[in-house]
Protein backbone atom coordinates (compact mmCIF):
# COMPACT_ATOMS: atom_id res chain seq x y z
CA UNK A 1 0.00 0.00 0.00
CA UNK A 2 1.30 3.45 -0.92
CA UNK A 3 2.02 5.62 2.10
CA UNK A 4 1.00 9.24 2.53
CA UNK A 5 4.68 10.19 2.60
CA UNK A 6 5.29 8.54 -0.77
CA UNK A 7 2.22 10.17 -2.26
CA UNK A 8 3.22 13.56 -0.91
CA UNK A 9 6.71 13.31 -2.38
CA UNK A 10 5.27 12.39 -5.76
CA UNK A 11 2.87 15.32 -5.50
CA UNK A 12 5.75 17.71 -4.81
CA UNK A 13 7.50 16.50 -7.97
CA UNK A 14 4.50 17.37 -10.16
CA UNK A 15 4.16 20.75 -11.82
CA UNK A 16 0.98 20.68 -13.88
CA UNK A 17 -2.24 19.60 -12.17
CA UNK A 18 -5.05 18.98 -14.66
CA UNK A 19 -8.61 19.01 -13.36
CA UNK A 20 -10.98 17.16 -15.68
CA UNK A 21 -14.72 17.75 -15.89
CA UNK A 22 -16.43 16.33 -18.95
CA UNK A 23 -18.57 19.47 -19.38
CA UNK A 24 -15.35 21.42 -20.00
CA UNK A 25 -13.83 18.98 -22.50
CA UNK A 26 -15.07 20.74 -25.67
CA UNK A 27 -17.43 17.94 -26.63
CA UNK A 28 -14.92 15.16 -26.09
CA UNK A 29 -15.21 12.45 -23.47
CA UNK A 30 -13.41 12.96 -20.19
CA UNK A 31 -11.54 9.71 -20.75
CA UNK A 32 -10.27 10.83 -24.15
CA UNK A 33 -8.98 14.05 -22.59
CA UNK A 34 -7.45 12.08 -19.71
CA UNK A 35 -5.63 9.81 -22.14
CA UNK A 36 -4.24 12.83 -24.00
CA UNK A 37 -3.04 14.38 -20.75
CA UNK A 38 -1.32 11.19 -19.70
CA UNK A 39 0.27 10.88 -23.14
CA UNK A 40 1.61 14.41 -22.69
CA UNK A 41 3.28 13.36 -19.44
CA UNK A 42 0.87 14.89 -16.92
CA UNK A 43 1.16 12.94 -13.69
CA UNK A 44 -1.29 14.78 -11.42
CA UNK A 45 -4.96 14.50 -12.35
CA UNK A 46 -8.18 15.44 -10.58
CA UNK A 47 -11.50 13.73 -11.32
CA UNK A 48 -14.02 16.55 -10.86
CA UNK A 49 -17.65 15.71 -11.50
CA UNK A 50 -20.40 17.36 -9.48
CA UNK A 51 -23.42 15.61 -10.97
CA UNK A 52 -24.54 12.00 -10.75
CA UNK A 53 -25.31 9.35 -8.17
CA UNK A 54 -22.66 7.52 -6.18
CA UNK A 55 -22.73 4.44 -8.41
CA UNK A 56 -22.18 6.49 -11.54
CA UNK A 57 -19.43 8.58 -10.02
CA UNK A 58 -17.73 5.45 -8.73
CA UNK A 59 -17.73 3.85 -12.17
CA UNK A 60 -16.32 6.96 -13.85
CA UNK A 61 -13.70 7.52 -11.16
CA UNK A 62 -12.69 3.86 -11.37
CA UNK A 63 -11.99 4.28 -15.08
CA UNK A 64 -9.77 7.27 -14.22
CA UNK A 65 -8.00 5.20 -11.57
CA UNK A 66 -7.27 2.35 -13.95
CA UNK A 67 -5.71 4.67 -16.51
CA UNK A 68 -3.71 6.78 -14.06
CA UNK A 69 -2.44 3.73 -12.21
CA UNK A 70 -1.02 2.20 -15.38
CA UNK A 71 1.31 5.16 -15.92
CA UNK A 72 2.05 5.98 -12.29
CA UNK A 73 0.03 9.20 -12.22
CA UNK A 74 -1.55 10.53 -9.04
CA UNK A 75 -5.34 10.65 -9.00
CA UNK A 76 -7.24 13.15 -6.89
CA UNK A 77 -11.04 13.09 -6.52
CA UNK A 78 -12.96 16.31 -6.04
CA UNK A 79 -15.20 16.61 -2.96
CA UNK A 80 -15.98 12.93 -2.38
CA UNK A 81 -13.86 11.18 0.23
CA UNK A 82 -16.00 8.04 -0.15
CA UNK A 83 -15.40 7.82 -3.88
CA UNK A 84 -11.68 8.48 -3.43
CA UNK A 85 -11.39 5.64 -0.94
CA UNK A 86 -13.58 3.32 -2.99
CA UNK A 87 -11.41 3.60 -6.12
CA UNK A 88 -8.14 3.76 -4.16
CA UNK A 89 -7.32 7.23 -5.40
CA UNK A 90 -4.28 9.04 -4.06
CA UNK A 91 -6.21 11.92 -2.57
CA UNK A 92 -9.23 14.15 -2.42
CA UNK A 93 -9.65 17.88 -2.88
CA UNK A 94 -12.09 19.61 -0.55
CA UNK A 95 -13.76 22.98 -0.81
CA UNK A 96 -14.90 25.28 1.97
CA UNK A 97 -18.38 23.71 2.01
CA UNK A 98 -17.18 20.09 1.87
CA UNK A 99 -16.27 17.71 4.67
CA UNK A 100 -13.88 19.45 7.10
CA UNK A 101 -10.22 18.61 6.62
CA UNK A 102 -9.82 17.29 10.18
CA UNK A 103 -12.72 14.87 9.70
CA UNK A 104 -11.44 13.76 6.29
CA UNK A 105 -8.01 13.14 7.80
CA UNK A 106 -9.53 10.83 10.43
CA UNK A 107 -11.43 8.91 7.77
CA UNK A 108 -8.62 8.79 5.23
CA UNK A 109 -5.26 9.06 7.00
CA UNK A 110 -3.34 7.79 3.97
CA UNK A 111 -4.75 10.20 1.38
CA UNK A 112 -3.38 13.49 0.12
CA UNK A 113 -5.89 16.11 1.28
CA UNK A 114 -6.14 19.32 -0.69
CA UNK A 115 -8.12 22.34 0.50
CA UNK A 116 -9.43 25.33 -1.40
CA UNK A 117 -8.54 28.70 0.10
CA UNK A 118 -9.33 32.24 -0.93
CA UNK A 119 -7.47 34.11 1.81
CA UNK A 120 -4.81 33.66 4.49
CA UNK A 121 -7.27 32.70 7.21
CA UNK A 122 -8.72 29.81 5.21
CA UNK A 123 -5.27 28.61 4.14
CA UNK A 124 -3.91 28.55 7.68
CA UNK A 125 -7.03 26.85 9.00
CA UNK A 126 -6.62 24.09 6.40
CA UNK A 127 -2.93 23.68 7.17
CA UNK A 128 -3.59 23.46 10.90
CA UNK A 129 -6.35 20.92 10.34
CA UNK A 130 -4.03 18.53 8.50
CA UNK A 131 -4.27 19.45 4.82
CA UNK A 132 -1.49 18.12 2.59
CA UNK A 133 -1.67 21.20 0.36
CA UNK A 134 -3.82 24.27 -0.09
CA UNK A 135 -5.04 25.77 -3.32
CA UNK A 136 -4.90 29.55 -3.69
CA UNK A 137 -7.49 30.97 -6.04
CA UNK A 138 -9.20 31.74 -8.20
CA UNK A 139 -6.18 33.76 -9.30
CA UNK A 140 -7.83 35.19 -12.41
CA UNK A 141 -11.46 35.36 -13.50
CA UNK A 142 -12.79 31.95 -14.46
CA UNK A 143 -16.01 30.45 -15.76
CA UNK A 144 -15.41 27.00 -14.26
CA UNK A 145 -15.96 27.96 -10.63
CA UNK A 146 -17.93 30.67 -8.87
CA UNK A 147 -16.87 31.87 -5.43
CA UNK A 148 -18.06 34.88 -3.42
CA UNK A 149 -14.60 36.45 -3.43
CA UNK A 150 -14.25 36.52 -7.20
CA UNK A 151 -10.69 36.50 -8.53
CA UNK A 152 -8.19 37.04 -5.72
CA UNK A 153 -5.34 38.09 -8.03
CA UNK A 154 -1.73 36.92 -8.21
CA UNK A 155 -0.92 39.11 -5.21
CA UNK A 156 -2.74 36.68 -2.94
CA UNK A 157 0.17 34.28 -3.43
CA UNK A 158 2.43 36.83 -1.73
CA UNK A 159 -0.03 37.09 1.15
CA UNK A 160 -0.47 33.37 1.77
CA UNK A 161 2.64 31.50 0.61
CA UNK A 162 5.15 32.85 3.20
CA UNK A 163 2.99 31.43 6.01
CA UNK A 164 2.71 27.90 4.64
CA UNK A 165 4.73 24.88 5.67
CA UNK A 166 2.94 22.68 3.13
CA UNK A 167 2.82 22.88 -0.68
CA UNK A 168 0.34 25.12 -2.44
CA UNK A 169 -1.30 25.02 -5.82
CA UNK A 170 -2.72 27.94 -7.76
CA UNK A 171 -5.83 27.78 -9.90
CA UNK A 172 -8.39 29.93 -11.67
CA UNK A 173 -8.11 31.39 -15.15
CA UNK A 174 -4.48 30.41 -15.55
CA UNK A 175 -3.49 30.03 -19.21
CA UNK A 176 -0.26 29.84 -21.16
CA UNK A 177 -0.27 33.62 -21.69
CA UNK A 178 -0.49 34.50 -17.96
CA UNK A 179 1.07 31.53 -16.17
CA UNK A 180 4.33 33.46 -15.86
CA UNK A 181 2.60 36.00 -13.60
CA UNK A 182 1.93 33.16 -11.17
CA UNK A 183 5.27 31.42 -11.56
CA UNK A 184 7.11 34.70 -10.92
CA UNK A 185 5.56 34.77 -7.45
CA UNK A 186 6.91 31.36 -6.52
CA UNK A 187 4.07 29.06 -7.55
CA UNK A 188 5.32 25.69 -8.77
CA UNK A 189 2.15 23.60 -8.83
CA UNK A 190 -0.32 25.00 -11.36
CA UNK A 191 -3.87 23.64 -11.55
CA UNK A 192 -5.89 24.20 -14.71
CA UNK A 193 -9.14 23.10 -16.28
CA UNK A 194 -10.01 24.55 -19.69
CA UNK A 195 -6.48 25.72 -20.52
CA UNK A 196 -5.86 22.04 -21.21
CA UNK A 197 -9.17 20.19 -21.31
CA UNK A 198 -10.84 22.56 -23.79
CA UNK A 199 -7.75 23.16 -25.92
CA UNK A 200 -7.90 22.06 -29.58
CA UNK A 201 -4.73 20.03 -28.96
CA UNK A 202 -4.77 18.75 -25.38
CA UNK A 203 -1.26 17.27 -25.54
CA UNK A 204 0.29 20.46 -26.92
CA UNK A 205 -1.46 22.65 -24.35
CA UNK A 206 -0.34 20.43 -21.48
CA UNK A 207 3.24 20.28 -22.71
CA UNK A 208 3.43 24.07 -23.13
CA UNK A 209 2.34 24.62 -19.54
CA UNK A 210 4.66 21.89 -18.26
CA UNK A 211 7.55 23.52 -20.11
CA UNK A 212 6.75 26.90 -18.53
CA UNK A 213 6.61 25.39 -15.04
CA UNK A 214 9.78 23.40 -15.60
CA UNK A 215 11.54 26.56 -16.78
CA UNK A 216 10.56 28.38 -13.59
CA UNK A 217 11.84 25.53 -11.47
C-alpha atoms as a PDB file:
ATOM      1  CA  UNK A   1       0.000   0.000   0.000  1.00  0.00           C
ATOM      2  CA  UNK A   2       1.298   3.448  -0.922  1.00  0.00           C
ATOM      3  CA  UNK A   3       2.018   5.620   2.097  1.00  0.00           C
ATOM      4  CA  UNK A   4       1.002   9.236   2.532  1.00  0.00           C
ATOM      5  CA  UNK A   5       4.678  10.185   2.597  1.00  0.00           C
ATOM      6  CA  UNK A   6       5.290   8.536  -0.768  1.00  0.00           C
ATOM      7  CA  UNK A   7       2.224  10.173  -2.264  1.00  0.00           C
ATOM      8  CA  UNK A   8       3.221  13.558  -0.910  1.00  0.00           C
ATOM      9  CA  UNK A   9       6.713  13.306  -2.378  1.00  0.00           C
ATOM     10  CA  UNK A  10       5.267  12.385  -5.758  1.00  0.00           C
ATOM     11  CA  UNK A  11       2.870  15.316  -5.499  1.00  0.00           C
ATOM     12  CA  UNK A  12       5.752  17.708  -4.813  1.00  0.00           C
ATOM     13  CA  UNK A  13       7.497  16.504  -7.969  1.00  0.00           C
ATOM     14  CA  UNK A  14       4.504  17.374 -10.161  1.00  0.00           C
ATOM     15  CA  UNK A  15       4.160  20.747 -11.820  1.00  0.00           C
ATOM     16  CA  UNK A  16       0.981  20.682 -13.878  1.00  0.00           C
ATOM     17  CA  UNK A  17      -2.238  19.596 -12.169  1.00  0.00           C
ATOM     18  CA  UNK A  18      -5.046  18.981 -14.663  1.00  0.00           C
ATOM     19  CA  UNK A  19      -8.606  19.014 -13.356  1.00  0.00           C
ATOM     20  CA  UNK A  20     -10.978  17.156 -15.679  1.00  0.00           C
ATOM     21  CA  UNK A  21     -14.716  17.754 -15.893  1.00  0.00           C
ATOM     22  CA  UNK A  22     -16.428  16.332 -18.951  1.00  0.00           C
ATOM     23  CA  UNK A  23     -18.567  19.475 -19.384  1.00  0.00           C
ATOM     24  CA  UNK A  24     -15.347  21.421 -20.002  1.00  0.00           C
ATOM     25  CA  UNK A  25     -13.826  18.979 -22.505  1.00  0.00           C
ATOM     26  CA  UNK A  26     -15.068  20.739 -25.669  1.00  0.00           C
ATOM     27  CA  UNK A  27     -17.434  17.938 -26.635  1.00  0.00           C
ATOM     28  CA  UNK A  28     -14.922  15.161 -26.090  1.00  0.00           C
ATOM     29  CA  UNK A  29     -15.211  12.449 -23.470  1.00  0.00           C
ATOM     30  CA  UNK A  30     -13.408  12.957 -20.185  1.00  0.00           C
ATOM     31  CA  UNK A  31     -11.540   9.706 -20.754  1.00  0.00           C
ATOM     32  CA  UNK A  32     -10.267  10.833 -24.145  1.00  0.00           C
ATOM     33  CA  UNK A  33      -8.977  14.046 -22.586  1.00  0.00           C
ATOM     34  CA  UNK A  34      -7.455  12.083 -19.708  1.00  0.00           C
ATOM     35  CA  UNK A  35      -5.630   9.807 -22.142  1.00  0.00           C
ATOM     36  CA  UNK A  36      -4.244  12.826 -23.998  1.00  0.00           C
ATOM     37  CA  UNK A  37      -3.044  14.381 -20.755  1.00  0.00           C
ATOM     38  CA  UNK A  38      -1.316  11.187 -19.703  1.00  0.00           C
ATOM     39  CA  UNK A  39       0.267  10.876 -23.144  1.00  0.00           C
ATOM     40  CA  UNK A  40       1.614  14.405 -22.689  1.00  0.00           C
ATOM     41  CA  UNK A  41       3.282  13.360 -19.441  1.00  0.00           C
ATOM     42  CA  UNK A  42       0.873  14.888 -16.920  1.00  0.00           C
ATOM     43  CA  UNK A  43       1.164  12.945 -13.687  1.00  0.00           C
ATOM     44  CA  UNK A  44      -1.291  14.780 -11.424  1.00  0.00           C
ATOM     45  CA  UNK A  45      -4.962  14.501 -12.352  1.00  0.00           C
ATOM     46  CA  UNK A  46      -8.179  15.442 -10.584  1.00  0.00           C
ATOM     47  CA  UNK A  47     -11.496  13.734 -11.323  1.00  0.00           C
ATOM     48  CA  UNK A  48     -14.025  16.547 -10.860  1.00  0.00           C
ATOM     49  CA  UNK A  49     -17.654  15.713 -11.503  1.00  0.00           C
ATOM     50  CA  UNK A  50     -20.401  17.359  -9.476  1.00  0.00           C
ATOM     51  CA  UNK A  51     -23.417  15.607 -10.972  1.00  0.00           C
ATOM     52  CA  UNK A  52     -24.538  11.997 -10.746  1.00  0.00           C
ATOM     53  CA  UNK A  53     -25.309   9.350  -8.172  1.00  0.00           C
ATOM     54  CA  UNK A  54     -22.657   7.522  -6.181  1.00  0.00           C
ATOM     55  CA  UNK A  55     -22.733   4.441  -8.405  1.00  0.00           C
ATOM     56  CA  UNK A  56     -22.185   6.487 -11.544  1.00  0.00           C
ATOM     57  CA  UNK A  57     -19.425   8.578 -10.021  1.00  0.00           C
ATOM     58  CA  UNK A  58     -17.734   5.454  -8.732  1.00  0.00           C
ATOM     59  CA  UNK A  59     -17.725   3.848 -12.169  1.00  0.00           C
ATOM     60  CA  UNK A  60     -16.324   6.958 -13.846  1.00  0.00           C
ATOM     61  CA  UNK A  61     -13.702   7.522 -11.159  1.00  0.00           C
ATOM     62  CA  UNK A  62     -12.686   3.864 -11.369  1.00  0.00           C
ATOM     63  CA  UNK A  63     -11.987   4.282 -15.079  1.00  0.00           C
ATOM     64  CA  UNK A  64      -9.772   7.271 -14.225  1.00  0.00           C
ATOM     65  CA  UNK A  65      -7.997   5.195 -11.574  1.00  0.00           C
ATOM     66  CA  UNK A  66      -7.267   2.345 -13.953  1.00  0.00           C
ATOM     67  CA  UNK A  67      -5.708   4.671 -16.515  1.00  0.00           C
ATOM     68  CA  UNK A  68      -3.711   6.785 -14.060  1.00  0.00           C
ATOM     69  CA  UNK A  69      -2.441   3.734 -12.214  1.00  0.00           C
ATOM     70  CA  UNK A  70      -1.017   2.203 -15.384  1.00  0.00           C
ATOM     71  CA  UNK A  71       1.310   5.158 -15.925  1.00  0.00           C
ATOM     72  CA  UNK A  72       2.051   5.985 -12.292  1.00  0.00           C
ATOM     73  CA  UNK A  73       0.034   9.205 -12.216  1.00  0.00           C
ATOM     74  CA  UNK A  74      -1.552  10.534  -9.045  1.00  0.00           C
ATOM     75  CA  UNK A  75      -5.339  10.651  -9.004  1.00  0.00           C
ATOM     76  CA  UNK A  76      -7.241  13.149  -6.889  1.00  0.00           C
ATOM     77  CA  UNK A  77     -11.037  13.087  -6.524  1.00  0.00           C
ATOM     78  CA  UNK A  78     -12.963  16.309  -6.043  1.00  0.00           C
ATOM     79  CA  UNK A  79     -15.203  16.611  -2.958  1.00  0.00           C
ATOM     80  CA  UNK A  80     -15.978  12.931  -2.377  1.00  0.00           C
ATOM     81  CA  UNK A  81     -13.860  11.176   0.235  1.00  0.00           C
ATOM     82  CA  UNK A  82     -15.998   8.040  -0.146  1.00  0.00           C
ATOM     83  CA  UNK A  83     -15.398   7.816  -3.884  1.00  0.00           C
ATOM     84  CA  UNK A  84     -11.676   8.482  -3.432  1.00  0.00           C
ATOM     85  CA  UNK A  85     -11.390   5.641  -0.935  1.00  0.00           C
ATOM     86  CA  UNK A  86     -13.576   3.317  -2.993  1.00  0.00           C
ATOM     87  CA  UNK A  87     -11.405   3.597  -6.117  1.00  0.00           C
ATOM     88  CA  UNK A  88      -8.140   3.756  -4.156  1.00  0.00           C
ATOM     89  CA  UNK A  89      -7.323   7.230  -5.401  1.00  0.00           C
ATOM     90  CA  UNK A  90      -4.282   9.040  -4.057  1.00  0.00           C
ATOM     91  CA  UNK A  91      -6.207  11.920  -2.575  1.00  0.00           C
ATOM     92  CA  UNK A  92      -9.233  14.153  -2.417  1.00  0.00           C
ATOM     93  CA  UNK A  93      -9.647  17.882  -2.882  1.00  0.00           C
ATOM     94  CA  UNK A  94     -12.091  19.606  -0.545  1.00  0.00           C
ATOM     95  CA  UNK A  95     -13.760  22.985  -0.815  1.00  0.00           C
ATOM     96  CA  UNK A  96     -14.900  25.276   1.965  1.00  0.00           C
ATOM     97  CA  UNK A  97     -18.376  23.707   2.008  1.00  0.00           C
ATOM     98  CA  UNK A  98     -17.182  20.089   1.869  1.00  0.00           C
ATOM     99  CA  UNK A  99     -16.270  17.708   4.668  1.00  0.00           C
ATOM    100  CA  UNK A 100     -13.878  19.445   7.104  1.00  0.00           C
ATOM    101  CA  UNK A 101     -10.219  18.610   6.622  1.00  0.00           C
ATOM    102  CA  UNK A 102      -9.818  17.287  10.177  1.00  0.00           C
ATOM    103  CA  UNK A 103     -12.716  14.873   9.695  1.00  0.00           C
ATOM    104  CA  UNK A 104     -11.437  13.755   6.294  1.00  0.00           C
ATOM    105  CA  UNK A 105      -8.013  13.137   7.805  1.00  0.00           C
ATOM    106  CA  UNK A 106      -9.525  10.826  10.433  1.00  0.00           C
ATOM    107  CA  UNK A 107     -11.435   8.908   7.771  1.00  0.00           C
ATOM    108  CA  UNK A 108      -8.618   8.788   5.233  1.00  0.00           C
ATOM    109  CA  UNK A 109      -5.256   9.055   6.996  1.00  0.00           C
ATOM    110  CA  UNK A 110      -3.345   7.793   3.968  1.00  0.00           C
ATOM    111  CA  UNK A 111      -4.749  10.204   1.381  1.00  0.00           C
ATOM    112  CA  UNK A 112      -3.383  13.493   0.118  1.00  0.00           C
ATOM    113  CA  UNK A 113      -5.887  16.107   1.284  1.00  0.00           C
ATOM    114  CA  UNK A 114      -6.145  19.325  -0.688  1.00  0.00           C
ATOM    115  CA  UNK A 115      -8.116  22.337   0.504  1.00  0.00           C
ATOM    116  CA  UNK A 116      -9.433  25.332  -1.401  1.00  0.00           C
ATOM    117  CA  UNK A 117      -8.539  28.703   0.098  1.00  0.00           C
ATOM    118  CA  UNK A 118      -9.327  32.240  -0.928  1.00  0.00           C
ATOM    119  CA  UNK A 119      -7.470  34.105   1.811  1.00  0.00           C
ATOM    120  CA  UNK A 120      -4.811  33.656   4.486  1.00  0.00           C
ATOM    121  CA  UNK A 121      -7.274  32.703   7.215  1.00  0.00           C
ATOM    122  CA  UNK A 122      -8.716  29.810   5.210  1.00  0.00           C
ATOM    123  CA  UNK A 123      -5.267  28.612   4.137  1.00  0.00           C
ATOM    124  CA  UNK A 124      -3.907  28.548   7.680  1.00  0.00           C
ATOM    125  CA  UNK A 125      -7.029  26.845   9.003  1.00  0.00           C
ATOM    126  CA  UNK A 126      -6.622  24.088   6.403  1.00  0.00           C
ATOM    127  CA  UNK A 127      -2.931  23.679   7.169  1.00  0.00           C
ATOM    128  CA  UNK A 128      -3.592  23.463  10.901  1.00  0.00           C
ATOM    129  CA  UNK A 129      -6.353  20.917  10.342  1.00  0.00           C
ATOM    130  CA  UNK A 130      -4.033  18.527   8.503  1.00  0.00           C
ATOM    131  CA  UNK A 131      -4.265  19.449   4.824  1.00  0.00           C
ATOM    132  CA  UNK A 132      -1.485  18.124   2.594  1.00  0.00           C
ATOM    133  CA  UNK A 133      -1.668  21.195   0.365  1.00  0.00           C
ATOM    134  CA  UNK A 134      -3.819  24.270  -0.094  1.00  0.00           C
ATOM    135  CA  UNK A 135      -5.042  25.765  -3.323  1.00  0.00           C
ATOM    136  CA  UNK A 136      -4.904  29.549  -3.694  1.00  0.00           C
ATOM    137  CA  UNK A 137      -7.494  30.967  -6.036  1.00  0.00           C
ATOM    138  CA  UNK A 138      -9.200  31.741  -8.195  1.00  0.00           C
ATOM    139  CA  UNK A 139      -6.180  33.759  -9.303  1.00  0.00           C
ATOM    140  CA  UNK A 140      -7.826  35.192 -12.411  1.00  0.00           C
ATOM    141  CA  UNK A 141     -11.456  35.363 -13.498  1.00  0.00           C
ATOM    142  CA  UNK A 142     -12.788  31.949 -14.465  1.00  0.00           C
ATOM    143  CA  UNK A 143     -16.013  30.446 -15.756  1.00  0.00           C
ATOM    144  CA  UNK A 144     -15.412  27.004 -14.264  1.00  0.00           C
ATOM    145  CA  UNK A 145     -15.960  27.962 -10.632  1.00  0.00           C
ATOM    146  CA  UNK A 146     -17.929  30.667  -8.867  1.00  0.00           C
ATOM    147  CA  UNK A 147     -16.874  31.870  -5.430  1.00  0.00           C
ATOM    148  CA  UNK A 148     -18.060  34.883  -3.417  1.00  0.00           C
ATOM    149  CA  UNK A 149     -14.597  36.447  -3.426  1.00  0.00           C
ATOM    150  CA  UNK A 150     -14.251  36.521  -7.203  1.00  0.00           C
ATOM    151  CA  UNK A 151     -10.693  36.497  -8.526  1.00  0.00           C
ATOM    152  CA  UNK A 152      -8.189  37.039  -5.717  1.00  0.00           C
ATOM    153  CA  UNK A 153      -5.344  38.088  -8.029  1.00  0.00           C
ATOM    154  CA  UNK A 154      -1.728  36.916  -8.208  1.00  0.00           C
ATOM    155  CA  UNK A 155      -0.915  39.109  -5.214  1.00  0.00           C
ATOM    156  CA  UNK A 156      -2.741  36.676  -2.936  1.00  0.00           C
ATOM    157  CA  UNK A 157       0.166  34.283  -3.431  1.00  0.00           C
ATOM    158  CA  UNK A 158       2.428  36.831  -1.735  1.00  0.00           C
ATOM    159  CA  UNK A 159      -0.030  37.088   1.147  1.00  0.00           C
ATOM    160  CA  UNK A 160      -0.465  33.370   1.772  1.00  0.00           C
ATOM    161  CA  UNK A 161       2.644  31.503   0.614  1.00  0.00           C
ATOM    162  CA  UNK A 162       5.147  32.846   3.203  1.00  0.00           C
ATOM    163  CA  UNK A 163       2.991  31.434   6.006  1.00  0.00           C
ATOM    164  CA  UNK A 164       2.708  27.904   4.637  1.00  0.00           C
ATOM    165  CA  UNK A 165       4.733  24.883   5.674  1.00  0.00           C
ATOM    166  CA  UNK A 166       2.936  22.681   3.126  1.00  0.00           C
ATOM    167  CA  UNK A 167       2.824  22.876  -0.684  1.00  0.00           C
ATOM    168  CA  UNK A 168       0.339  25.119  -2.438  1.00  0.00           C
ATOM    169  CA  UNK A 169      -1.303  25.022  -5.820  1.00  0.00           C
ATOM    170  CA  UNK A 170      -2.725  27.941  -7.763  1.00  0.00           C
ATOM    171  CA  UNK A 171      -5.834  27.779  -9.903  1.00  0.00           C
ATOM    172  CA  UNK A 172      -8.388  29.926 -11.673  1.00  0.00           C
ATOM    173  CA  UNK A 173      -8.114  31.385 -15.149  1.00  0.00           C
ATOM    174  CA  UNK A 174      -4.475  30.405 -15.553  1.00  0.00           C
ATOM    175  CA  UNK A 175      -3.488  30.029 -19.209  1.00  0.00           C
ATOM    176  CA  UNK A 176      -0.258  29.839 -21.160  1.00  0.00           C
ATOM    177  CA  UNK A 177      -0.269  33.621 -21.689  1.00  0.00           C
ATOM    178  CA  UNK A 178      -0.495  34.503 -17.957  1.00  0.00           C
ATOM    179  CA  UNK A 179       1.066  31.533 -16.173  1.00  0.00           C
ATOM    180  CA  UNK A 180       4.327  33.458 -15.864  1.00  0.00           C
ATOM    181  CA  UNK A 181       2.601  35.998 -13.598  1.00  0.00           C
ATOM    182  CA  UNK A 182       1.931  33.164 -11.170  1.00  0.00           C
ATOM    183  CA  UNK A 183       5.275  31.424 -11.562  1.00  0.00           C
ATOM    184  CA  UNK A 184       7.106  34.697 -10.922  1.00  0.00           C
ATOM    185  CA  UNK A 185       5.560  34.774  -7.446  1.00  0.00           C
ATOM    186  CA  UNK A 186       6.912  31.357  -6.521  1.00  0.00           C
ATOM    187  CA  UNK A 187       4.069  29.058  -7.550  1.00  0.00           C
ATOM    188  CA  UNK A 188       5.323  25.692  -8.768  1.00  0.00           C
ATOM    189  CA  UNK A 189       2.147  23.598  -8.832  1.00  0.00           C
ATOM    190  CA  UNK A 190      -0.317  24.996 -11.363  1.00  0.00           C
ATOM    191  CA  UNK A 191      -3.871  23.642 -11.552  1.00  0.00           C
ATOM    192  CA  UNK A 192      -5.891  24.200 -14.712  1.00  0.00           C
ATOM    193  CA  UNK A 193      -9.135  23.104 -16.278  1.00  0.00           C
ATOM    194  CA  UNK A 194     -10.012  24.553 -19.686  1.00  0.00           C
ATOM    195  CA  UNK A 195      -6.484  25.720 -20.519  1.00  0.00           C
ATOM    196  CA  UNK A 196      -5.855  22.042 -21.213  1.00  0.00           C
ATOM    197  CA  UNK A 197      -9.174  20.190 -21.312  1.00  0.00           C
ATOM    198  CA  UNK A 198     -10.839  22.558 -23.792  1.00  0.00           C
ATOM    199  CA  UNK A 199      -7.747  23.162 -25.920  1.00  0.00           C
ATOM    200  CA  UNK A 200      -7.897  22.061 -29.578  1.00  0.00           C
ATOM    201  CA  UNK A 201      -4.728  20.031 -28.960  1.00  0.00           C
ATOM    202  CA  UNK A 202      -4.767  18.747 -25.384  1.00  0.00           C
ATOM    203  CA  UNK A 203      -1.264  17.268 -25.542  1.00  0.00           C
ATOM    204  CA  UNK A 204       0.289  20.459 -26.925  1.00  0.00           C
ATOM    205  CA  UNK A 205      -1.458  22.653 -24.349  1.00  0.00           C
ATOM    206  CA  UNK A 206      -0.339  20.429 -21.479  1.00  0.00           C
ATOM    207  CA  UNK A 207       3.236  20.285 -22.713  1.00  0.00           C
ATOM    208  CA  UNK A 208       3.432  24.067 -23.127  1.00  0.00           C
ATOM    209  CA  UNK A 209       2.339  24.618 -19.539  1.00  0.00           C
ATOM    210  CA  UNK A 210       4.659  21.891 -18.260  1.00  0.00           C
ATOM    211  CA  UNK A 211       7.548  23.524 -20.106  1.00  0.00           C
ATOM    212  CA  UNK A 212       6.748  26.899 -18.526  1.00  0.00           C
ATOM    213  CA  UNK A 213       6.615  25.390 -15.042  1.00  0.00           C
ATOM    214  CA  UNK A 214       9.783  23.402 -15.603  1.00  0.00           C
ATOM    215  CA  UNK A 215      11.543  26.559 -16.779  1.00  0.00           C
ATOM    216  CA  UNK A 216      10.561  28.384 -13.595  1.00  0.00           C
ATOM    217  CA  UNK A 217      11.845  25.528 -11.465  1.00  0.00           C
END
